[in-house]
Amino acid sequence: MKHLPKTLVFVLAVSLLWACYSASEVTYSNPQDSTVNQWLIEFKTSEAKLQLTMRNQRKGDRGFSYSSSDFDVTLDQLVGLTREQVMSASGTNVQFQLKRDAGTFNFDGWFKEGNGSGHFTFSPSSSFASELARQGFGKATDEQLLSLAMSDTGLAFINELKAQGYDTSTVEQLVRMGNHGVRLEYLQGLKSVGYSVKTTELVVRMKDHGVGLNFIRALSGLGYSNITTDELVRTKDHGVSAEFVNQLKDLGYARLPLENLVEMKDHGVSPAFVKELKDLGYSDTSVEQLVRLKDHGVNAAYIRRMKERGYADLSLDEYIRLRDRGEKE
């Protein structure tokens, strides 16, 4: 096994550990529904946090459904678990808890040399469920409370939503945001950079499309501030990054409108493409012409080849016409 990759060795090891435990079940209000919950932790001594994976397999009247969540936790969040247990050289049985507003996760299993696995149960919080109802979100099911606990969607998150004037009014909306990775830090971060999103669907859409706080801050630092959330999503979707903008800026294309940057990305006009043209003496080429050149297959290599064949000192439009009439490299 010493020649196997470390990741594979770890997976094999925890798979064997899981096999040592009988599946624990949580039964919800519907007697036909039950879940099998497994946990996995990998701890690296060089890092301050542990990576926790929680897997949920549910059996209902329509068959099986699966979900998995990965997140980082600090050791002090896992009540009852010590560093000595985590790093045990010979291995040790463990029992510990992770407490969230929506309920408490109760873990049991095994740790050895920083790697642990086992099963968990979930105890939903009746007081949190009552608070949700009191605040007008409706009655939360145990399954919804499990989802909220998984994403750590608690009272601080709800208070932030209310403070920012979000339209959220149901438990399902809270679950949806949590499942799509919308966390308290993201809500607070959007506010700090000047965005008042206010709608559940829009903040979920932003998160789904990878519109992170660093992306917003990077664009703002380049002069693209106060742009709409739709523009942020579109810019991210088309692959326009701060690096792309900076490289074009260095080539003389500073503060281009976002629609120009998106168009260039869509048509494959890269900074390298622009630089090669500049090196041939074609400076100050418009965005429109750069796009036309790319669309017609005219690049620096083609121009050099045409020059070698006697087509020297032509304009870029003339090279496009050459290409269109079939003059190949």
C-alpha atoms as a PDB file:
ATOM      1  CA  MET A   1       0.000   0.000   0.000  1.00  0.00           C
ATOM      2  CA  LYS A   2       3.010   2.325   0.419  1.00  0.00           C
ATOM      3  CA  HIS A   3       2.948   3.075  -3.325  1.00  0.00           C
ATOM      4  CA  LEU A   4      -0.726   4.139  -3.323  1.00  0.00           C
ATOM      5  CA  PRO A   5      -1.600   7.854  -3.352  1.00  0.00           C
ATOM      6  CA  LYS A   6      -2.247   9.261   0.129  1.00  0.00           C
ATOM      7  CA  THR A   7      -5.822  10.274  -0.756  1.00  0.00           C
ATOM      8  CA  LEU A   8      -6.652   6.730  -1.875  1.00  0.00           C
ATOM      9  CA  VAL A   9      -5.112   5.260   1.278  1.00  0.00           C
ATOM     10  CA  PHE A  10      -7.248   7.623   3.368  1.00  0.00           C
ATOM     11  CA  VAL A  11     -10.448   6.694   1.510  1.00  0.00           C
ATOM     12  CA  LEU A  12      -9.723   2.980   1.906  1.00  0.00           C
ATOM     13  CA  ALA A  13      -8.968   3.413   5.592  1.00  0.00           C
ATOM     14  CA  VAL A  14     -12.133   5.303   6.450  1.00  0.00           C
ATOM     15  CA  SER A  15     -14.217   2.929   4.349  1.00  0.00           C
ATOM     16  CA  LEU A  16     -12.976   0.101   6.559  1.00  0.00           C
ATOM     17  CA  LEU A  17     -13.727   2.196   9.644  1.00  0.00           C
ATOM     18  CA  TRP A  18     -17.292   2.856   8.476  1.00  0.00           C
ATOM     19  CA  ALA A  19     -17.805  -0.845   7.932  1.00  0.00           C
ATOM     20  CA  CYS A  20     -17.111  -1.452  11.623  1.00  0.00           C
ATOM     21  CA  TYR A  21     -20.214   0.462  12.702  1.00  0.00           C
ATOM     22  CA  SER A  22     -23.824  -0.475  12.381  1.00  0.00           C
ATOM     23  CA  ALA A  23     -25.914   2.182  10.653  1.00  0.00           C
ATOM     24  CA  SER A  24     -27.612   4.578  13.039  1.00  0.00           C
ATOM     25  CA  GLU A  25     -31.033   5.808  12.026  1.00  0.00           C
ATOM     26  CA  VAL A  26     -33.101   8.894  12.668  1.00  0.00           C
ATOM     27  CA  THR A  27     -36.827   8.375  12.281  1.00  0.00           C
ATOM     28  CA  TYR A  28     -38.949  11.386  11.346  1.00  0.00           C
ATOM     29  CA  SER A  29     -42.676  11.919  11.780  1.00  0.00           C
ATOM     30  CA  ASN A  30     -43.420   9.694   8.794  1.00  0.00           C
ATOM     31  CA  PRO A  31     -42.710   6.104   9.938  1.00  0.00           C
ATOM     32  CA  GLN A  32     -41.848   5.106   6.361  1.00  0.00           C
ATOM     33  CA  ASP A  33     -38.952   7.591   6.306  1.00  0.00           C
ATOM     34  CA  SER A  34     -35.568   6.981   7.934  1.00  0.00           C
ATOM     35  CA  THR A  35     -32.035   8.213   7.398  1.00  0.00           C
ATOM     36  CA  VAL A  36     -28.564   6.765   7.672  1.00  0.00           C
ATOM     37  CA  ASN A  37     -26.007   9.416   8.607  1.00  0.00           C
ATOM     38  CA  GLN A  38     -22.237   9.109   8.310  1.00  0.00           C
ATOM     39  CA  TRP A  39     -19.423  11.521   9.126  1.00  0.00           C
ATOM     40  CA  LEU A  40     -15.829  11.806   8.031  1.00  0.00           C
ATOM     41  CA  ILE A  41     -13.094  14.098   9.366  1.00  0.00           C
ATOM     42  CA  GLU A  42      -9.606  14.731   8.067  1.00  0.00           C
ATOM     43  CA  PHE A  43      -7.289  16.797  10.253  1.00  0.00           C
ATOM     44  CA  LYS A  44      -3.954  18.169   9.137  1.00  0.00           C
ATOM     45  CA  THR A  45      -1.691  19.396  11.920  1.00  0.00           C
ATOM     46  CA  SER A  46      -0.545  22.276   9.712  1.00  0.00           C
ATOM     47  CA  GLU A  47      -4.077  23.686   9.519  1.00  0.00           C
ATOM     48  CA  ALA A  48      -6.202  25.300  12.213  1.00  0.00           C
ATOM     49  CA  LYS A  49      -9.459  23.694  11.080  1.00  0.00           C
ATOM     50  CA  LEU A  50     -10.770  20.191  10.491  1.00  0.00           C
ATOM     51  CA  GLN A  51     -12.589  19.237   7.315  1.00  0.00           C
ATOM     52  CA  LEU A  52     -15.912  17.650   8.217  1.00  0.00           C
ATOM     53  CA  THR A  53     -17.967  15.683   5.696  1.00  0.00           C
ATOM     54  CA  MET A  54     -21.513  14.693   6.629  1.00  0.00           C
ATOM     55  CA  ARG A  55     -23.432  12.267   4.443  1.00  0.00           C
ATOM     56  CA  ASN A  56     -27.131  11.637   4.663  1.00  0.00           C
ATOM     57  CA  GLN A  57     -28.955   8.730   3.043  1.00  0.00           C
ATOM     58  CA  ARG A  58     -32.703   8.854   3.338  1.00  0.00           C
ATOM     59  CA  LYS A  59     -35.167   6.081   2.623  1.00  0.00           C
ATOM     60  CA  GLY A  60     -38.711   7.178   1.916  1.00  0.00           C
ATOM     61  CA  ASP A  61     -41.774   5.823   0.209  1.00  0.00           C
ATOM     62  CA  ARG A  62     -40.294   6.919  -3.147  1.00  0.00           C
ATOM     63  CA  GLY A  63     -36.943   5.233  -2.645  1.00  0.00           C
ATOM     64  CA  PHE A  64     -33.531   6.538  -1.536  1.00  0.00           C
ATOM     65  CA  SER A  65     -32.173  10.082  -1.655  1.00  0.00           C
ATOM     66  CA  TYR A  66     -28.657  11.217  -0.809  1.00  0.00           C
ATOM     67  CA  SER A  67     -26.987  14.436   0.289  1.00  0.00           C
ATOM     68  CA  SER A  68     -23.502  15.413   1.380  1.00  0.00           C
ATOM     69  CA  SER A  69     -22.091  18.518   3.039  1.00  0.00           C
ATOM     70  CA  ASP A  70     -18.454  19.526   3.448  1.00  0.00           C
ATOM     71  CA  PHE A  71     -17.305  22.356   5.676  1.00  0.00           C
ATOM     72  CA  ASP A  72     -14.514  23.389   7.999  1.00  0.00           C
ATOM     73  CA  VAL A  73     -14.902  23.482  11.774  1.00  0.00           C
ATOM     74  CA  THR A  74     -12.548  24.292  14.613  1.00  0.00           C
ATOM     75  CA  LEU A  75     -11.799  21.638  17.184  1.00  0.00           C
ATOM     76  CA  ASP A  76     -13.412  23.648  19.988  1.00  0.00           C
ATOM     77  CA  GLN A  77     -16.744  23.524  18.114  1.00  0.00           C
ATOM     78  CA  LEU A  78     -16.791  19.753  18.501  1.00  0.00           C
ATOM     79  CA  VAL A  79     -17.807  19.396  22.129  1.00  0.00           C
ATOM     80  CA  GLY A  80     -16.266  16.350  23.792  1.00  0.00           C
ATOM     81  CA  LEU A  81     -13.516  15.768  21.234  1.00  0.00           C
ATOM     82  CA  THR A  82      -9.874  16.431  22.136  1.00  0.00           C
ATOM     83  CA  ARG A  83      -6.766  16.841  20.042  1.00  0.00           C
ATOM     84  CA  GLU A  84      -5.270  13.815  21.788  1.00  0.00           C
ATOM     85  CA  GLN A  85      -8.186  11.676  20.609  1.00  0.00           C
ATOM     86  CA  VAL A  86      -7.953  13.017  17.073  1.00  0.00           C
ATOM     87  CA  MET A  87      -4.227  12.291  16.836  1.00  0.00           C
ATOM     88  CA  SER A  88      -4.301   8.949  18.685  1.00  0.00           C
ATOM     89  CA  ALA A  89      -1.569   6.706  17.290  1.00  0.00           C
ATOM     90  CA  SER A  90      -3.305   3.460  18.213  1.00  0.00           C
ATOM     91  CA  GLY A  91      -6.867   4.626  17.523  1.00  0.00           C
ATOM     92  CA  THR A  92      -9.697   5.409  19.900  1.00  0.00           C
ATOM     93  CA  ASN A  93     -13.478   5.436  20.120  1.00  0.00           C
ATOM     94  CA  VAL A  94     -15.002   8.910  20.301  1.00  0.00           C
ATOM     95  CA  GLN A  95     -18.300  10.605  21.080  1.00  0.00           C
ATOM     96  CA  PHE A  96     -18.796  14.347  20.575  1.00  0.00           C
ATOM     97  CA  GLN A  97     -21.343  16.975  19.584  1.00  0.00           C
ATOM     98  CA  LEU A  98     -21.733  19.893  17.179  1.00  0.00           C
ATOM     99  CA  LYS A  99     -24.346  22.345  18.416  1.00  0.00           C
ATOM    100  CA  ARG A 100     -26.253  24.589  16.035  1.00  0.00           C
ATOM    101  CA  ASP A 101     -29.307  26.812  16.591  1.00  0.00           C
ATOM    102  CA  ALA A 102     -31.502  24.400  14.609  1.00  0.00           C
ATOM    103  CA  GLY A 103     -30.364  21.344  16.581  1.00  0.00           C
ATOM    104  CA  THR A 104     -27.469  19.235  17.793  1.00  0.00           C
ATOM    105  CA  PHE A 105     -25.428  16.632  15.914  1.00  0.00           C
ATOM    106  CA  ASN A 106     -24.346  13.704  18.078  1.00  0.00           C
ATOM    107  CA  PHE A 107     -21.347  11.835  16.693  1.00  0.00           C
ATOM    108  CA  ASP A 108     -19.845   8.477  17.558  1.00  0.00           C
ATOM    109  CA  GLY A 109     -17.041   6.690  15.783  1.00  0.00           C
ATOM    110  CA  TRP A 110     -13.304   6.212  15.658  1.00  0.00           C
ATOM    111  CA  PHE A 111     -10.201   8.383  15.261  1.00  0.00           C
ATOM    112  CA  LYS A 112      -6.650   7.464  14.392  1.00  0.00           C
ATOM    113  CA  GLU A 113      -3.769   9.771  13.458  1.00  0.00           C
ATOM    114  CA  GLY A 114      -6.000  12.646  12.403  1.00  0.00           C
ATOM    115  CA  ASN A 115      -8.536  10.627  10.425  1.00  0.00           C
ATOM    116  CA  GLY A 116     -11.959   9.821  11.826  1.00  0.00           C
ATOM    117  CA  SER A 117     -15.294   8.424  10.749  1.00  0.00           C
ATOM    118  CA  GLY A 118     -18.493   7.018  12.108  1.00  0.00           C
ATOM    119  CA  HIS A 119     -22.185   7.802  12.345  1.00  0.00           C
ATOM    120  CA  PHE A 120     -24.243  10.633  13.728  1.00  0.00           C
ATOM    121  CA  THR A 121     -27.770  11.377  14.854  1.00  0.00           C
ATOM    122  CA  PHE A 122     -29.537  14.696  14.841  1.00  0.00           C
ATOM    123  CA  SER A 123     -31.654  16.137  17.650  1.00  0.00           C
ATOM    124  CA  PRO A 124     -33.797  18.985  16.285  1.00  0.00           C
ATOM    125  CA  SER A 125     -34.298  22.027  18.493  1.00  0.00           C
ATOM    126  CA  SER A 126     -37.929  22.516  19.452  1.00  0.00           C
ATOM    127  CA  SER A 127     -37.181  25.997  20.809  1.00  0.00           C
ATOM    128  CA  PHE A 128     -35.669  27.070  17.469  1.00  0.00           C
ATOM    129  CA  ALA A 129     -38.665  25.624  15.625  1.00  0.00           C
ATOM    130  CA  SER A 130     -40.951  27.600  17.913  1.00  0.00           C
ATOM    131  CA  GLU A 131     -38.958  30.760  17.284  1.00  0.00           C
ATOM    132  CA  LEU A 132     -39.263  30.295  13.525  1.00  0.00           C
ATOM    133  CA  ALA A 133     -43.027  29.968  13.885  1.00  0.00           C
ATOM    134  CA  ARG A 134     -43.165  32.999  16.188  1.00  0.00           C
ATOM    135  CA  GLN A 135     -41.287  35.093  13.613  1.00  0.00           C
ATOM    136  CA  GLY A 136     -43.753  34.097  10.888  1.00  0.00           C
ATOM    137  CA  PHE A 137     -41.684  31.545   8.939  1.00  0.00           C
ATOM    138  CA  GLY A 138     -44.172  28.745   9.535  1.00  0.00           C
ATOM    139  CA  LYS A 139     -43.803  25.287  11.045  1.00  0.00           C
ATOM    140  CA  ALA A 140     -40.456  23.648  10.343  1.00  0.00           C
ATOM    141  CA  THR A 141     -40.218  19.900   9.838  1.00  0.00           C
ATOM    142  CA  ASP A 142     -37.416  17.894  11.413  1.00  0.00           C
ATOM    143  CA  GLU A 143     -35.936  17.410   7.960  1.00  0.00           C
ATOM    144  CA  GLN A 144     -35.871  21.173   7.380  1.00  0.00           C
ATOM    145  CA  LEU A 145     -34.263  21.707  10.773  1.00  0.00           C
ATOM    146  CA  LEU A 146     -31.593  19.167   9.786  1.00  0.00           C
ATOM    147  CA  SER A 147     -30.876  21.132   6.594  1.00  0.00           C
ATOM    148  CA  LEU A 148     -30.708  24.411   8.511  1.00  0.00           C
ATOM    149  CA  ALA A 149     -28.313  22.873  11.039  1.00  0.00           C
ATOM    150  CA  MET A 150     -26.145  21.455   8.253  1.00  0.00           C
ATOM    151  CA  SER A 151     -25.736  24.928   6.740  1.00  0.00           C
ATOM    152  CA  ASP A 152     -25.538  26.631  10.150  1.00  0.00           C
ATOM    153  CA  THR A 153     -28.515  28.807   9.278  1.00  0.00           C
ATOM    154  CA  GLY A 154     -29.464  30.195  12.662  1.00  0.00           C
ATOM    155  CA  LEU A 155     -30.795  33.246  14.457  1.00  0.00           C
ATOM    156  CA  ALA A 156     -27.871  35.494  13.500  1.00  0.00           C
ATOM    157  CA  PHE A 157     -28.531  34.710   9.824  1.00  0.00           C
ATOM    158  CA  ILE A 158     -32.248  35.407  10.212  1.00  0.00           C
ATOM    159  CA  ASN A 159     -31.584  38.671  12.058  1.00  0.00           C
ATOM    160  CA  GLU A 160     -29.284  39.792   9.254  1.00  0.00           C
ATOM    161  CA  LEU A 161     -31.956  39.007   6.669  1.00  0.00           C
ATOM    162  CA  LYS A 162     -34.466  41.097   8.570  1.00  0.00           C
ATOM    163  CA  ALA A 163     -32.010  43.955   9.112  1.00  0.00           C
ATOM    164  CA  GLN A 164     -31.285  44.114   5.383  1.00  0.00           C
ATOM    165  CA  GLY A 165     -34.953  43.910   4.407  1.00  0.00           C
ATOM    166  CA  TYR A 166     -34.923  40.552   2.625  1.00  0.00           C
ATOM    167  CA  ASP A 167     -38.258  39.208   1.385  1.00  0.00           C
ATOM    168  CA  THR A 168     -37.699  35.857   3.126  1.00  0.00           C
ATOM    169  CA  SER A 169     -40.852  34.673   4.889  1.00  0.00           C
ATOM    170  CA  THR A 170     -40.827  30.850   4.818  1.00  0.00           C
ATOM    171  CA  VAL A 171     -38.692  28.067   6.250  1.00  0.00           C
ATOM    172  CA  GLU A 172     -38.248  26.672   2.746  1.00  0.00           C
ATOM    173  CA  GLN A 173     -36.585  29.916   1.635  1.00  0.00           C
ATOM    174  CA  LEU A 174     -34.156  29.647   4.548  1.00  0.00           C
ATOM    175  CA  VAL A 175     -33.402  26.033   3.610  1.00  0.00           C
ATOM    176  CA  ARG A 176     -32.910  26.996  -0.037  1.00  0.00           C
ATOM    177  CA  MET A 177     -30.380  29.690   0.823  1.00  0.00           C
ATOM    178  CA  GLY A 178     -28.509  27.356   3.135  1.00  0.00           C
ATOM    179  CA  ASN A 179     -28.427  24.546   0.585  1.00  0.00           C
ATOM    180  CA  HIS A 180     -27.018  26.917  -2.030  1.00  0.00           C
ATOM    181  CA  GLY A 181     -24.194  28.160   0.167  1.00  0.00           C
ATOM    182  CA  VAL A 182     -25.571  31.529   1.249  1.00  0.00           C
ATOM    183  CA  ARG A 183     -24.021  32.138   4.665  1.00  0.00           C
ATOM    184  CA  LEU A 184     -24.090  34.975   7.181  1.00  0.00           C
ATOM    185  CA  GLU A 185     -20.650  36.156   6.071  1.00  0.00           C
ATOM    186  CA  TYR A 186     -21.872  36.430   2.472  1.00  0.00           C
ATOM    187  CA  LEU A 187     -24.901  38.543   3.460  1.00  0.00           C
ATOM    188  CA  GLN A 188     -22.741  40.833   5.587  1.00  0.00           C
ATOM    189  CA  GLY A 189     -20.084  41.023   2.893  1.00  0.00           C
ATOM    190  CA  LEU A 190     -22.571  42.060   0.205  1.00  0.00           C
ATOM    191  CA  LYS A 191     -23.781  44.832   2.457  1.00  0.00           C
ATOM    192  CA  SER A 192     -20.209  45.991   3.144  1.00  0.00           C
ATOM    193  CA  VAL A 193     -19.516  46.398  -0.598  1.00  0.00           C
ATOM    194  CA  GLY A 194     -22.726  48.315  -1.155  1.00  0.00           C
ATOM    195  CA  TYR A 195     -25.174  45.690  -2.382  1.00  0.00           C
ATOM    196  CA  SER A 196     -28.717  45.555  -1.041  1.00  0.00           C
ATOM    197  CA  VAL A 197     -29.990  42.384  -2.696  1.00  0.00           C
ATOM    198  CA  LYS A 198     -33.118  41.818  -0.576  1.00  0.00           C
ATOM    199  CA  THR A 199     -34.548  38.851  -2.511  1.00  0.00           C
ATOM    200  CA  THR A 200     -33.915  35.197  -1.769  1.00  0.00           C
ATOM    201  CA  GLU A 201     -33.894  34.145  -5.419  1.00  0.00           C
ATOM    202  CA  LEU A 202     -31.384  36.804  -6.447  1.00  0.00           C
ATOM    203  CA  VAL A 203     -28.897  36.116  -3.659  1.00  0.00           C
ATOM    204  CA  VAL A 204     -29.121  32.376  -4.423  1.00  0.00           C
ATOM    205  CA  ARG A 205     -28.572  33.120  -8.120  1.00  0.00           C
ATOM    206  CA  MET A 206     -25.495  35.200  -7.333  1.00  0.00           C
ATOM    207  CA  LYS A 207     -24.063  32.427  -5.180  1.00  0.00           C
ATOM    208  CA  ASP A 208     -24.874  29.729  -7.755  1.00  0.00           C
ATOM    209  CA  HIS A 209     -23.073  31.690 -10.470  1.00  0.00           C
ATOM    210  CA  GLY A 210     -19.937  32.163  -8.397  1.00  0.00           C
ATOM    211  CA  VAL A 211     -20.316  35.866  -7.678  1.00  0.00           C
ATOM    212  CA  GLY A 212     -18.113  35.927  -4.595  1.00  0.00           C
ATOM    213  CA  LEU A 213     -17.115  38.862  -2.441  1.00  0.00           C
ATOM    214  CA  ASN A 214     -13.524  38.801  -3.714  1.00  0.00           C
ATOM    215  CA  PHE A 215     -14.812  38.973  -7.295  1.00  0.00           C
ATOM    216  CA  ILE A 216     -16.946  42.031  -6.478  1.00  0.00           C
ATOM    217  CA  ARG A 217     -14.106  43.733  -4.608  1.00  0.00           C
ATOM    218  CA  ALA A 218     -11.630  43.030  -7.411  1.00  0.00           C
ATOM    219  CA  LEU A 219     -13.921  44.597 -10.026  1.00  0.00           C
ATOM    220  CA  SER A 220     -14.569  47.569  -7.777  1.00  0.00           C
ATOM    221  CA  GLY A 221     -10.833  48.074  -7.345  1.00  0.00           C
ATOM    222  CA  LEU A 222     -10.524  48.268 -11.135  1.00  0.00           C
ATOM    223  CA  GLY A 223     -13.184  50.961 -11.342  1.00  0.00           C
ATOM    224  CA  TYR A 224     -16.243  48.777 -11.889  1.00  0.00           C
ATOM    225  CA  SER A 225     -18.271  49.780  -8.859  1.00  0.00           C
ATOM    226  CA  ASN A 226     -21.999  50.283  -8.447  1.00  0.00           C
ATOM    227  CA  ILE A 227     -22.762  47.806 -11.230  1.00  0.00           C
ATOM    228  CA  THR A 228     -25.996  45.882 -11.043  1.00  0.00           C
ATOM    229  CA  THR A 229     -26.283  42.356  -9.684  1.00  0.00           C
ATOM    230  CA  ASP A 230     -27.365  41.160 -13.149  1.00  0.00           C
ATOM    231  CA  GLU A 231     -24.169  42.640 -14.596  1.00  0.00           C
ATOM    232  CA  LEU A 232     -22.124  40.887 -11.920  1.00  0.00           C
ATOM    233  CA  VAL A 233     -23.716  37.540 -12.778  1.00  0.00           C
ATOM    234  CA  ARG A 234     -23.287  38.051 -16.525  1.00  0.00           C
ATOM    235  CA  THR A 235     -19.668  39.159 -16.148  1.00  0.00           C
ATOM    236  CA  LYS A 236     -18.845  36.116 -14.010  1.00  0.00           C
ATOM    237  CA  ASP A 237     -20.702  33.728 -16.312  1.00  0.00           C
ATOM    238  CA  HIS A 238     -18.676  34.859 -19.315  1.00  0.00           C
ATOM    239  CA  GLY A 239     -15.347  34.362 -17.560  1.00  0.00           C
ATOM    240  CA  VAL A 240     -14.296  37.996 -17.179  1.00  0.00           C
ATOM    241  CA  SER A 241     -11.857  38.113 -14.270  1.00  0.00           C
ATOM    242  CA  ALA A 242      -9.752  40.819 -12.632  1.00  0.00           C
ATOM    243  CA  GLU A 243      -6.672  39.237 -14.183  1.00  0.00           C
ATOM    244  CA  PHE A 244      -8.224  39.487 -17.669  1.00  0.00           C
ATOM    245  CA  VAL A 245      -9.114  43.151 -17.099  1.00  0.00           C
ATOM    246  CA  ASN A 246      -5.635  43.977 -15.763  1.00  0.00           C
ATOM    247  CA  GLN A 247      -3.864  42.302 -18.670  1.00  0.00           C
ATOM    248  CA  LEU A 248      -5.924  44.285 -21.172  1.00  0.00           C
ATOM    249  CA  LYS A 249      -5.268  47.454 -19.177  1.00  0.00           C
ATOM    250  CA  ASP A 250      -1.515  46.862 -19.476  1.00  0.00           C
ATOM    251  CA  LEU A 251      -1.980  46.587 -23.250  1.00  0.00           C
ATOM    252  CA  GLY A 252      -3.691  49.972 -23.440  1.00  0.00           C
ATOM    253  CA  TYR A 253      -7.310  48.900 -23.022  1.00  0.00           C
ATOM    254  CA  ALA A 254      -8.154  50.600 -19.759  1.00  0.00           C
ATOM    255  CA  ARG A 255     -11.642  50.980 -18.347  1.00  0.00           C
ATOM    256  CA  LEU A 256     -13.432  49.217 -21.159  1.00  0.00           C
ATOM    257  CA  PRO A 257     -17.203  48.909 -20.678  1.00  0.00           C
ATOM    258  CA  LEU A 258     -18.215  45.564 -19.212  1.00  0.00           C
ATOM    259  CA  GLU A 259     -20.141  44.691 -22.382  1.00  0.00           C
ATOM    260  CA  ASN A 260     -16.889  45.039 -24.370  1.00  0.00           C
ATOM    261  CA  LEU A 261     -15.046  42.769 -21.950  1.00  0.00           C
ATOM    262  CA  VAL A 262     -17.802  40.168 -22.178  1.00  0.00           C
ATOM    263  CA  GLU A 263     -17.815  40.390 -25.972  1.00  0.00           C
ATOM    264  CA  MET A 264     -14.050  39.915 -26.151  1.00  0.00           C
ATOM    265  CA  LYS A 265     -14.249  36.877 -23.865  1.00  0.00           C
ATOM    266  CA  ASP A 266     -17.107  35.384 -25.863  1.00  0.00           C
ATOM    267  CA  HIS A 267     -15.205  35.699 -29.143  1.00  0.00           C
ATOM    268  CA  GLY A 268     -11.883  34.418 -27.809  1.00  0.00           C
ATOM    269  CA  VAL A 269     -10.046  37.741 -27.904  1.00  0.00           C
ATOM    270  CA  SER A 270      -7.377  37.069 -25.301  1.00  0.00           C
ATOM    271  CA  PRO A 271      -4.650  39.404 -24.009  1.00  0.00           C
ATOM    272  CA  ALA A 272      -2.107  37.185 -25.801  1.00  0.00           C
ATOM    273  CA  PHE A 273      -3.985  37.685 -29.090  1.00  0.00           C
ATOM    274  CA  VAL A 274      -3.965  41.468 -28.601  1.00  0.00           C
ATOM    275  CA  LYS A 275      -0.264  41.535 -27.645  1.00  0.00           C
ATOM    276  CA  GLU A 276       0.786  39.579 -30.723  1.00  0.00           C
ATOM    277  CA  LEU A 277      -0.994  42.109 -32.931  1.00  0.00           C
ATOM    278  CA  LYS A 278       0.646  44.991 -31.073  1.00  0.00           C
ATOM    279  CA  ASP A 279       4.054  43.372 -31.550  1.00  0.00           C
ATOM    280  CA  LEU A 280       3.359  43.434 -35.312  1.00  0.00           C
ATOM    281  CA  GLY A 281       2.652  47.151 -35.120  1.00  0.00           C
ATOM    282  CA  TYR A 282      -1.121  47.091 -34.930  1.00  0.00           C
ATOM    283  CA  SER A 283      -1.776  49.275 -31.898  1.00  0.00           C
ATOM    284  CA  ASP A 284      -5.000  50.952 -30.839  1.00  0.00           C
ATOM    285  CA  THR A 285      -7.090  48.338 -32.601  1.00  0.00           C
ATOM    286  CA  SER A 286     -10.734  48.767 -31.660  1.00  0.00           C
ATOM    287  CA  VAL A 287     -12.609  46.102 -29.743  1.00  0.00           C
ATOM    288  CA  GLU A 288     -14.943  45.703 -32.710  1.00  0.00           C
ATOM    289  CA  GLN A 289     -12.044  45.054 -35.066  1.00  0.00           C
ATOM    290  CA  LEU A 290     -10.355  42.656 -32.638  1.00  0.00           C
ATOM    291  CA  VAL A 291     -13.565  40.650 -32.554  1.00  0.00           C
ATOM    292  CA  ARG A 292     -13.824  40.684 -36.360  1.00  0.00           C
ATOM    293  CA  LEU A 293     -10.231  39.472 -36.712  1.00  0.00           C
ATOM    294  CA  LYS A 294     -10.852  36.603 -34.315  1.00  0.00           C
ATOM    295  CA  ASP A 295     -14.141  35.674 -35.960  1.00  0.00           C
ATOM    296  CA  HIS A 296     -12.512  35.572 -39.418  1.00  0.00           C
ATOM    297  CA  GLY A 297      -9.507  33.543 -38.277  1.00  0.00           C
ATOM    298  CA  VAL A 298      -6.924  36.295 -38.717  1.00  0.00           C
ATOM    299  CA  ASN A 299      -4.198  36.185 -36.085  1.00  0.00           C
ATOM    300  CA  ALA A 300      -0.546  37.199 -35.822  1.00  0.00           C
ATOM    301  CA  ALA A 301       0.681  33.913 -37.318  1.00  0.00           C
ATOM    302  CA  TYR A 302      -1.573  34.383 -40.373  1.00  0.00           C
ATOM    303  CA  ILE A 303      -0.411  37.958 -40.882  1.00  0.00           C
ATOM    304  CA  ARG A 304       3.259  36.965 -40.661  1.00  0.00           C
ATOM    305  CA  ARG A 305       2.711  34.194 -43.193  1.00  0.00           C
ATOM    306  CA  MET A 306       0.958  36.548 -45.598  1.00  0.00           C
ATOM    307  CA  LYS A 307       3.783  39.059 -45.284  1.00  0.00           C
ATOM    308  CA  GLU A 308       6.267  36.311 -46.202  1.00  0.00           C
ATOM    309  CA  ARG A 309       4.185  35.624 -49.311  1.00  0.00           C
ATOM    310  CA  GLY A 310       4.352  39.247 -50.380  1.00  0.00           C
ATOM    311  CA  TYR A 311       1.220  40.676 -48.790  1.00  0.00           C
ATOM    312  CA  ALA A 312       3.069  43.256 -46.729  1.00  0.00           C
ATOM    313  CA  ASP A 313       1.891  46.500 -45.163  1.00  0.00           C
ATOM    314  CA  LEU A 314      -1.786  45.717 -45.504  1.00  0.00           C
ATOM    315  CA  SER A 315      -4.443  47.000 -43.164  1.00  0.00           C
ATOM    316  CA  LEU A 316      -6.167  44.585 -40.834  1.00  0.00           C
ATOM    317  CA  ASP A 317      -9.352  44.868 -42.898  1.00  0.00           C
ATOM    318  CA  GLU A 318      -7.387  43.837 -45.971  1.00  0.00           C
ATOM    319  CA  TYR A 319      -6.034  40.762 -44.191  1.00  0.00           C
ATOM    320  CA  ILE A 320      -9.610  39.869 -43.253  1.00  0.00           C
ATOM    321  CA  ARG A 321     -10.622  40.116 -46.933  1.00  0.00           C
ATOM    322  CA  LEU A 322      -7.653  37.927 -47.914  1.00  0.00           C
ATOM    323  CA  ARG A 323      -8.736  35.321 -45.415  1.00  0.00           C
ATOM    324  CA  ASP A 324     -12.354  35.493 -46.544  1.00  0.00           C
ATOM    325  CA  ARG A 325     -11.475  34.887 -50.181  1.00  0.00           C
ATOM    326  CA  GLY A 326      -9.534  31.763 -49.305  1.00  0.00           C
ATOM    327  CA  GLU A 327      -5.905  32.854 -48.947  1.00  0.00           C
ATOM    328  CA  LYS A 328      -4.577  30.209 -46.580  1.00  0.00           C
ATOM    329  CA  GLU A 329      -1.371  30.130 -44.567  1.00  0.00           C
END
